[in-house]
Amino acid sequence: MKITKDMIIKDILDIDRGLGVILRNHGMNCVGCPSGHAQRDTLENATSGHGVNIDELIEEMNAYLANAV
């Protein structure tokens, strides 16, 4: 499984909860957002509001998944 920018945050977290740590390390607190953004926002949409480099984030998350197996 590879993380892509069009994936919903909730779906990313369902793959591996450790990805939430990576998101939080990049300043994306949507993991526990009370307004439910993680349930409906894509990774691309969520990063645009946080000034996060999406390509670096995706690379880090996919490297994490590659090493988690």
PDB file of N, CA and C in Angstrom:
ATOM      1  N   MET A   1       0.846  -1.176   0.000  1.00  0.00           N
ATOM      2  CA  MET A   1       0.000   0.000   0.000  1.00  0.00           C
ATOM      3  C   MET A   1       0.885   1.231   0.000  1.00  0.00           C
ATOM      4  N   LYS A   2       0.555   2.184  -0.831  1.00  0.00           N
ATOM      5  CA  LYS A   2       1.277   3.456  -0.912  1.00  0.00           C
ATOM      6  C   LYS A   2       0.339   4.590  -0.550  1.00  0.00           C
ATOM      7  N   ILE A   3       0.857   5.565   0.160  1.00  0.00           N
ATOM      8  CA  ILE A   3       0.107   6.755   0.503  1.00  0.00           C
ATOM      9  C   ILE A   3       0.135   7.696  -0.702  1.00  0.00           C
ATOM     10  N   THR A   4      -1.029   8.264  -1.014  1.00  0.00           N
ATOM     11  CA  THR A   4      -1.128   9.230  -2.103  1.00  0.00           C
ATOM     12  C   THR A   4      -1.837  10.478  -1.594  1.00  0.00           C
ATOM     13  N   LYS A   5      -1.671  11.578  -2.330  1.00  0.00           N
ATOM     14  CA  LYS A   5      -2.227  12.853  -1.879  1.00  0.00           C
ATOM     15  C   LYS A   5      -3.749  12.904  -1.896  1.00  0.00           C
ATOM     16  N   ASP A   6      -4.381  12.004  -2.634  1.00  0.00           N
ATOM     17  CA  ASP A   6      -5.839  12.029  -2.717  1.00  0.00           C
ATOM     18  C   ASP A   6      -6.517  11.123  -1.688  1.00  0.00           C
ATOM     19  N   MET A   7      -5.729  10.544  -0.788  1.00  0.00           N
ATOM     20  CA  MET A   7      -6.294   9.673   0.245  1.00  0.00           C
ATOM     21  C   MET A   7      -6.892  10.507   1.385  1.00  0.00           C
ATOM     22  N   ILE A   8      -7.961   9.991   1.979  1.00  0.00           N
ATOM     23  CA  ILE A   8      -8.604  10.619   3.142  1.00  0.00           C
ATOM     24  C   ILE A   8      -7.743  10.316   4.376  1.00  0.00           C
ATOM     25  N   ILE A   9      -7.575  11.324   5.233  1.00  0.00           N
ATOM     26  CA  ILE A   9      -6.744  11.171   6.435  1.00  0.00           C
ATOM     27  C   ILE A   9      -7.168   9.940   7.236  1.00  0.00           C
ATOM     28  N   LYS A  10      -8.454   9.741   7.435  1.00  0.00           N
ATOM     29  CA  LYS A  10      -8.945   8.590   8.203  1.00  0.00           C
ATOM     30  C   LYS A  10      -8.464   7.282   7.579  1.00  0.00           C
ATOM     31  N   ASP A  11      -8.499   7.199   6.256  1.00  0.00           N
ATOM     32  CA  ASP A  11      -8.065   5.979   5.580  1.00  0.00           C
ATOM     33  C   ASP A  11      -6.569   5.747   5.765  1.00  0.00           C
ATOM     34  N   ILE A  12      -5.803   6.817   5.800  1.00  0.00           N
ATOM     35  CA  ILE A  12      -4.358   6.705   6.043  1.00  0.00           C
ATOM     36  C   ILE A  12      -4.124   6.164   7.446  1.00  0.00           C
ATOM     37  N   LEU A  13      -4.848   6.683   8.418  1.00  0.00           N
ATOM     38  CA  LEU A  13      -4.691   6.236   9.803  1.00  0.00           C
ATOM     39  C   LEU A  13      -5.140   4.789   9.972  1.00  0.00           C
ATOM     40  N   ASP A  14      -6.116   4.362   9.178  1.00  0.00           N
ATOM     41  CA  ASP A  14      -6.573   2.975   9.244  1.00  0.00           C
ATOM     42  C   ASP A  14      -5.511   2.002   8.738  1.00  0.00           C
ATOM     43  N   ILE A  15      -4.631   2.457   7.870  1.00  0.00           N
ATOM     44  CA  ILE A  15      -3.558   1.604   7.352  1.00  0.00           C
ATOM     45  C   ILE A  15      -2.574   1.280   8.468  1.00  0.00           C
ATOM     46  N   ASP A  16      -2.170   2.319   9.200  1.00  0.00           N
ATOM     47  CA  ASP A  16      -1.201   2.126  10.294  1.00  0.00           C
ATOM     48  C   ASP A  16      -1.278   3.359  11.187  1.00  0.00           C
ATOM     49  N   ARG A  17      -1.592   3.160  12.446  1.00  0.00           N
ATOM     50  CA  ARG A  17      -1.739   4.285  13.381  1.00  0.00           C
ATOM     51  C   ARG A  17      -0.431   5.046  13.566  1.00  0.00           C
ATOM     52  N   GLY A  18       0.689   4.412  13.279  1.00  0.00           N
ATOM     53  CA  GLY A  18       1.984   5.090  13.371  1.00  0.00           C
ATOM     54  C   GLY A  18       2.099   6.259  12.403  1.00  0.00           C
ATOM     55  N   LEU A  19       1.304   6.246  11.352  1.00  0.00           N
ATOM     56  CA  LEU A  19       1.320   7.352  10.396  1.00  0.00           C
ATOM     57  C   LEU A  19       0.784   8.629  11.039  1.00  0.00           C
ATOM     58  N   GLY A  20      -0.026   8.484  12.070  1.00  0.00           N
ATOM     59  CA  GLY A  20      -0.522   9.648  12.799  1.00  0.00           C
ATOM     60  C   GLY A  20       0.597  10.416  13.477  1.00  0.00           C
ATOM     61  N   VAL A  21       1.598   9.703  13.948  1.00  0.00           N
ATOM     62  CA  VAL A  21       2.758  10.349  14.578  1.00  0.00           C
ATOM     63  C   VAL A  21       3.485  11.206  13.541  1.00  0.00           C
ATOM     64  N   ILE A  22       3.641  10.676  12.351  1.00  0.00           N
ATOM     65  CA  ILE A  22       4.305  11.421  11.277  1.00  0.00           C
ATOM     66  C   ILE A  22       3.497  12.665  10.934  1.00  0.00           C
ATOM     67  N   LEU A  23       2.192  12.523  10.825  1.00  0.00           N
ATOM     68  CA  LEU A  23       1.343  13.683  10.535  1.00  0.00           C
ATOM     69  C   LEU A  23       1.490  14.750  11.618  1.00  0.00           C
ATOM     70  N   ARG A  24       1.439  14.327  12.872  1.00  0.00           N
ATOM     71  CA  ARG A  24       1.579  15.287  13.980  1.00  0.00           C
ATOM     72  C   ARG A  24       2.964  15.935  13.981  1.00  0.00           C
ATOM     73  N   ASN A  25       3.995  15.171  13.639  1.00  0.00           N
ATOM     74  CA  ASN A  25       5.348  15.726  13.580  1.00  0.00           C
ATOM     75  C   ASN A  25       5.474  16.817  12.520  1.00  0.00           C
ATOM     76  N   HIS A  26       4.581  16.782  11.550  1.00  0.00           N
ATOM     77  CA  HIS A  26       4.563  17.810  10.500  1.00  0.00           C
ATOM     78  C   HIS A  26       3.564  18.919  10.819  1.00  0.00           C
ATOM     79  N   GLY A  27       3.080  18.949  12.055  1.00  0.00           N
ATOM     80  CA  GLY A  27       2.181  20.008  12.493  1.00  0.00           C
ATOM     81  C   GLY A  27       0.731  19.797  12.111  1.00  0.00           C
ATOM     82  N   MET A  28       0.410  18.597  11.704  1.00  0.00           N
ATOM     83  CA  MET A  28      -0.959  18.309  11.285  1.00  0.00           C
ATOM     84  C   MET A  28      -1.695  17.622  12.428  1.00  0.00           C
ATOM     85  N   ASN A  29      -2.371  18.415  13.200  1.00  0.00           N
ATOM     86  CA  ASN A  29      -3.094  17.892  14.354  1.00  0.00           C
ATOM     87  C   ASN A  29      -4.489  17.417  13.983  1.00  0.00           C
ATOM     88  N   CYS A  30      -4.749  17.282  12.685  1.00  0.00           N
ATOM     89  CA  CYS A  30      -6.059  16.829  12.202  1.00  0.00           C
ATOM     90  C   CYS A  30      -6.351  15.399  12.648  1.00  0.00           C
ATOM     91  N   VAL A  31      -5.321  14.715  13.082  1.00  0.00           N
ATOM     92  CA  VAL A  31      -5.495  13.339  13.540  1.00  0.00           C
ATOM     93  C   VAL A  31      -6.538  13.270  14.645  1.00  0.00           C
ATOM     94  N   GLY A  32      -6.522  14.232  15.531  1.00  0.00           N
ATOM     95  CA  GLY A  32      -7.485  14.239  16.627  1.00  0.00           C
ATOM     96  C   GLY A  32      -8.412  15.438  16.590  1.00  0.00           C
ATOM     97  N   CYS A  33      -8.565  16.024  15.429  1.00  0.00           N
ATOM     98  CA  CYS A  33      -9.371  17.239  15.274  1.00  0.00           C
ATOM     99  C   CYS A  33     -10.832  16.974  15.644  1.00  0.00           C
ATOM    100  N   PRO A  34     -11.369  17.752  16.581  1.00  0.00           N
ATOM    101  CA  PRO A  34     -12.755  17.542  17.004  1.00  0.00           C
ATOM    102  C   PRO A  34     -13.788  17.891  15.926  1.00  0.00           C
ATOM    103  N   SER A  35     -13.404  18.646  14.906  1.00  0.00           N
ATOM    104  CA  SER A  35     -14.379  19.026  13.881  1.00  0.00           C
ATOM    105  C   SER A  35     -14.535  17.955  12.811  1.00  0.00           C
ATOM    106  N   GLY A  36     -13.787  16.861  12.918  1.00  0.00           N
ATOM    107  CA  GLY A  36     -13.978  15.739  12.012  1.00  0.00           C
ATOM    108  C   GLY A  36     -13.292  15.851  10.664  1.00  0.00           C
ATOM    109  N   HIS A  37     -12.328  16.747  10.540  1.00  0.00           N
ATOM    110  CA  HIS A  37     -11.636  16.891   9.259  1.00  0.00           C
ATOM    111  C   HIS A  37     -10.959  15.603   8.814  1.00  0.00           C
ATOM    112  N   ALA A  38     -10.463  14.819   9.738  1.00  0.00           N
ATOM    113  CA  ALA A  38      -9.793  13.567   9.382  1.00  0.00           C
ATOM    114  C   ALA A  38     -10.748  12.591   8.703  1.00  0.00           C
ATOM    115  N   GLN A  39     -12.029  12.760   8.944  1.00  0.00           N
ATOM    116  CA  GLN A  39     -13.026  11.860   8.362  1.00  0.00           C
ATOM    117  C   GLN A  39     -13.303  12.160   6.898  1.00  0.00           C
ATOM    118  N   ARG A  40     -13.012  13.396   6.460  1.00  0.00           N
ATOM    119  CA  ARG A  40     -13.423  13.764   5.105  1.00  0.00           C
ATOM    120  C   ARG A  40     -12.351  14.454   4.261  1.00  0.00           C
ATOM    121  N   ASP A  41     -11.302  14.995   4.875  1.00  0.00           N
ATOM    122  CA  ASP A  41     -10.290  15.727   4.116  1.00  0.00           C
ATOM    123  C   ASP A  41      -9.254  14.800   3.497  1.00  0.00           C
ATOM    124  N   THR A  42      -8.870  15.129   2.271  1.00  0.00           N
ATOM    125  CA  THR A  42      -7.769  14.402   1.647  1.00  0.00           C
ATOM    126  C   THR A  42      -6.463  14.921   2.242  1.00  0.00           C
ATOM    127  N   LEU A  43      -5.419  14.160   2.062  1.00  0.00           N
ATOM    128  CA  LEU A  43      -4.105  14.580   2.541  1.00  0.00           C
ATOM    129  C   LEU A  43      -3.710  15.891   1.864  1.00  0.00           C
ATOM    130  N   GLU A  44      -3.972  15.997   0.578  1.00  0.00           N
ATOM    131  CA  GLU A  44      -3.628  17.216  -0.158  1.00  0.00           C
ATOM    132  C   GLU A  44      -4.364  18.427   0.407  1.00  0.00           C
ATOM    133  N   ASN A  45      -5.638  18.292   0.662  1.00  0.00           N
ATOM    134  CA  ASN A  45      -6.421  19.396   1.205  1.00  0.00           C
ATOM    135  C   ASN A  45      -5.939  19.778   2.602  1.00  0.00           C
ATOM    136  N   ALA A  46      -5.668  18.784   3.414  1.00  0.00           N
ATOM    137  CA  ALA A  46      -5.230  19.044   4.788  1.00  0.00           C
ATOM    138  C   ALA A  46      -3.862  19.726   4.832  1.00  0.00           C
ATOM    139  N   THR A  47      -2.950  19.303   3.982  1.00  0.00           N
ATOM    140  CA  THR A  47      -1.611  19.904   4.000  1.00  0.00           C
ATOM    141  C   THR A  47      -1.627  21.337   3.486  1.00  0.00           C
ATOM    142  N   SER A  48      -2.517  21.642   2.567  1.00  0.00           N
ATOM    143  CA  SER A  48      -2.539  22.996   1.999  1.00  0.00           C
ATOM    144  C   SER A  48      -2.836  24.048   3.059  1.00  0.00           C
ATOM    145  N   GLY A  49      -3.578  23.693   4.056  1.00  0.00           N
ATOM    146  CA  GLY A  49      -3.906  24.632   5.123  1.00  0.00           C
ATOM    147  C   GLY A  49      -2.870  24.705   6.225  1.00  0.00           C
ATOM    148  N   HIS A  50      -1.845  23.868   6.147  1.00  0.00           N
ATOM    149  CA  HIS A  50      -0.838  23.826   7.205  1.00  0.00           C
ATOM    150  C   HIS A  50       0.562  24.178   6.719  1.00  0.00           C
ATOM    151  N   GLY A  51       0.705  24.518   5.452  1.00  0.00           N
ATOM    152  CA  GLY A  51       2.021  24.873   4.925  1.00  0.00           C
ATOM    153  C   GLY A  51       2.998  23.710   4.918  1.00  0.00           C
ATOM    154  N   VAL A  52       2.482  22.496   4.790  1.00  0.00           N
ATOM    155  CA  VAL A  52       3.310  21.290   4.807  1.00  0.00           C
ATOM    156  C   VAL A  52       3.681  20.914   3.378  1.00  0.00           C
ATOM    157  N   ASN A  53       4.932  20.519   3.181  1.00  0.00           N
ATOM    158  CA  ASN A  53       5.366  20.035   1.874  1.00  0.00           C
ATOM    159  C   ASN A  53       4.816  18.627   1.705  1.00  0.00           C
ATOM    160  N   ILE A  54       3.809  18.488   0.863  1.00  0.00           N
ATOM    161  CA  ILE A  54       3.113  17.207   0.711  1.00  0.00           C
ATOM    162  C   ILE A  54       4.023  16.123   0.153  1.00  0.00           C
ATOM    163  N   ASP A  55       4.912  16.482  -0.748  1.00  0.00           N
ATOM    164  CA  ASP A  55       5.795  15.474  -1.338  1.00  0.00           C
ATOM    165  C   ASP A  55       6.730  14.870  -0.291  1.00  0.00           C
ATOM    166  N   GLU A  56       7.273  15.716   0.574  1.00  0.00           N
ATOM    167  CA  GLU A  56       8.146  15.218   1.652  1.00  0.00           C
ATOM    168  C   GLU A  56       7.361  14.362   2.638  1.00  0.00           C
ATOM    169  N   LEU A  57       6.160  14.790   2.949  1.00  0.00           N
ATOM    170  CA  LEU A  57       5.311  14.047   3.886  1.00  0.00           C
ATOM    171  C   LEU A  57       4.977  12.665   3.329  1.00  0.00           C
ATOM    172  N   ILE A  58       4.557  12.616   2.082  1.00  0.00           N
ATOM    173  CA  ILE A  58       4.221  11.331   1.454  1.00  0.00           C
ATOM    174  C   ILE A  58       5.444  10.423   1.394  1.00  0.00           C
ATOM    175  N   GLU A  59       6.581  10.993   1.055  1.00  0.00           N
ATOM    176  CA  GLU A  59       7.819  10.203   1.002  1.00  0.00           C
ATOM    177  C   GLU A  59       8.138   9.603   2.371  1.00  0.00           C
ATOM    178  N   GLU A  60       8.006  10.396   3.416  1.00  0.00           N
ATOM    179  CA  GLU A  60       8.281   9.914   4.775  1.00  0.00           C
ATOM    180  C   GLU A  60       7.293   8.827   5.191  1.00  0.00           C
ATOM    181  N   MET A  61       6.018   9.027   4.886  1.00  0.00           N
ATOM    182  CA  MET A  61       5.020   8.033   5.263  1.00  0.00           C
ATOM    183  C   MET A  61       5.224   6.720   4.496  1.00  0.00           C
ATOM    184  N   ASN A  62       5.533   6.801   3.224  1.00  0.00           N
ATOM    185  CA  ASN A  62       5.760   5.584   2.451  1.00  0.00           C
ATOM    186  C   ASN A  62       7.037   4.872   2.873  1.00  0.00           C
ATOM    187  N   ALA A  63       8.065   5.623   3.270  1.00  0.00           N
ATOM    188  CA  ALA A  63       9.281   5.007   3.799  1.00  0.00           C
ATOM    189  C   ALA A  63       8.976   4.276   5.108  1.00  0.00           C
ATOM    190  N   TYR A  64       8.157   4.899   5.946  1.00  0.00           N
ATOM    191  CA  TYR A  64       7.734   4.276   7.195  1.00  0.00           C
ATOM    192  C   TYR A  64       7.032   2.944   6.913  1.00  0.00           C
ATOM    193  N   LEU A  65       6.090   2.976   5.968  1.00  0.00           N
ATOM    194  CA  LEU A  65       5.344   1.751   5.639  1.00  0.00           C
ATOM    195  C   LEU A  65       6.261   0.679   5.067  1.00  0.00           C
ATOM    196  N   ALA A  66       7.215   1.071   4.252  1.00  0.00           N
ATOM    197  CA  ALA A  66       8.148   0.103   3.648  1.00  0.00           C
ATOM    198  C   ALA A  66       8.982  -0.589   4.720  1.00  0.00           C
ATOM    199  N   ASN A  67       9.312   0.146   5.781  1.00  0.00           N
ATOM    200  CA  ASN A  67      10.129  -0.417   6.859  1.00  0.00           C
ATOM    201  C   ASN A  67       9.305  -1.120   7.917  1.00  0.00           C
ATOM    202  N   ALA A  68       7.991  -0.940   7.892  1.00  0.00           N
ATOM    203  CA  ALA A  68       7.122  -1.529   8.911  1.00  0.00           C
ATOM    204  C   ALA A  68       6.784  -2.989   8.608  1.00  0.00           C
ATOM    205  N   VAL A  69       7.077  -3.419   7.423  1.00  0.00           N
ATOM    206  CA  VAL A  69       6.708  -4.785   7.038  1.00  0.00           C
ATOM    207  C   VAL A  69       7.668  -5.809   7.565  1.00  0.00           C
TER     208      VAL A  69
END
